[in-house]
Amino acid sequence: MADTMSRNVRFNAMQAVLIDVGLILPTLIYEGLAENDIPRIYAEIGCNFVYYVYMSAIVYSVVMNLKGRKPNGLPIVSDAAEVMTGPF
């Protein structure tokens, strides 16, 4: 199936998977700290930060795709997606 999809489609799919997996880490940290009594303001700041980073990555990827360019400007995610997509 990978032979029939273009490299950009595979890159975008891999980048979407990696962005989604990246959401697991903040969730695990939050769940691990749930037993501690964290002030609500810090929890809200953390949740807002994760939301804004996630939405920024999605908007960036969509805008770059609509412009016809490859969205390879996300620092860690784009490099990992590039490696996992392969040279073909």
Protein backbone atom coordinates (compact mmCIF):
# COMPACT_ATOMS: atom_id res chain seq x y z
CA MET A 1 0.00 0.00 0.00
CA ALA A 2 2.91 2.35 0.68
CA ASP A 3 3.90 2.05 -2.97
CA THR A 4 0.63 3.57 -4.16
CA MET A 5 0.67 6.57 -1.80
CA SER A 6 2.86 9.55 -2.54
CA ARG A 7 5.69 10.39 -0.19
CA ASN A 8 3.98 13.59 0.98
CA VAL A 9 0.84 11.69 1.98
CA ARG A 10 2.92 9.19 3.96
CA PHE A 11 4.90 12.04 5.56
CA ASN A 12 1.72 13.86 6.57
CA ALA A 13 0.16 10.69 7.96
CA MET A 14 3.29 9.91 9.98
CA GLN A 15 3.46 13.49 11.25
CA ALA A 16 -0.20 13.31 12.34
CA VAL A 17 0.45 10.07 14.20
CA LEU A 18 3.50 11.53 15.94
CA ILE A 19 1.61 14.68 16.95
CA ASP A 20 -1.15 12.49 18.36
CA VAL A 21 1.33 10.32 20.25
CA GLY A 22 2.90 13.51 21.60
CA LEU A 23 -0.37 14.21 23.40
CA ILE A 24 0.09 11.09 25.50
CA LEU A 25 3.07 12.47 27.43
CA PRO A 26 1.29 15.51 28.96
CA THR A 27 -1.68 13.27 29.79
CA LEU A 28 0.57 10.81 31.62
CA ILE A 29 2.27 13.61 33.52
CA TYR A 30 -1.08 15.09 34.51
CA GLU A 31 -2.43 11.72 35.64
CA GLY A 32 0.74 11.06 37.63
CA LEU A 33 0.45 14.39 39.41
CA ALA A 34 -3.30 14.09 40.00
CA GLU A 35 -2.74 12.59 43.46
CA ASN A 36 -0.74 15.64 44.52
CA ASP A 37 -2.59 18.77 45.39
CA ILE A 38 -1.57 21.03 42.49
CA PRO A 39 -3.01 24.52 42.55
CA ARG A 40 -5.70 24.94 39.92
CA ILE A 41 -3.90 27.86 38.24
CA TYR A 42 -0.90 25.66 37.38
CA ALA A 43 -3.12 22.90 36.02
CA GLU A 44 -4.97 25.41 33.83
CA ILE A 45 -1.74 26.94 32.55
CA GLY A 46 -0.43 23.48 31.65
CA CYS A 47 -3.63 22.45 29.91
CA ASN A 48 -3.77 25.71 27.96
CA PHE A 49 -0.13 25.37 26.90
CA VAL A 50 -0.67 21.83 25.61
CA TYR A 51 -3.81 22.92 23.76
CA TYR A 52 -2.13 25.91 22.09
CA VAL A 53 0.92 23.88 21.03
CA TYR A 54 -1.29 21.11 19.63
CA MET A 55 -3.55 23.51 17.74
CA SER A 56 -0.57 25.49 16.43
CA ALA A 57 0.97 22.32 15.02
CA ILE A 58 -2.29 21.36 13.33
CA VAL A 59 -2.91 24.84 11.87
CA TYR A 60 0.68 25.04 10.64
CA SER A 61 0.42 21.66 8.94
CA VAL A 62 -2.93 22.47 7.30
CA VAL A 63 -1.77 25.88 6.06
CA MET A 64 1.47 24.49 4.61
CA ASN A 65 -0.45 21.71 2.85
CA LEU A 66 -2.93 24.21 1.42
CA LYS A 67 0.00 26.26 0.08
CA GLY A 68 1.36 23.10 -1.57
CA ARG A 69 4.48 22.91 0.58
CA LYS A 70 5.68 20.16 2.85
CA PRO A 71 5.08 20.98 6.55
CA ASN A 72 8.56 20.15 7.79
CA GLY A 73 8.97 23.05 10.22
CA LEU A 74 7.91 21.27 13.41
CA PRO A 75 11.24 20.71 15.19
CA ILE A 76 11.19 17.16 16.56
CA VAL A 77 8.06 15.81 14.90
CA SER A 78 9.06 16.64 11.32
CA ASP A 79 12.51 15.11 11.69
CA ALA A 80 11.07 11.91 13.15
CA ALA A 81 8.40 11.72 10.43
CA GLU A 82 11.08 12.24 7.78
CA VAL A 83 13.16 9.37 9.14
CA MET A 84 10.15 7.05 9.49
CA THR A 85 8.86 7.82 5.99
CA GLY A 86 12.09 6.74 4.37
CA PRO A 87 13.83 7.89 1.19
CA PHE A 88 11.21 6.56 -1.27
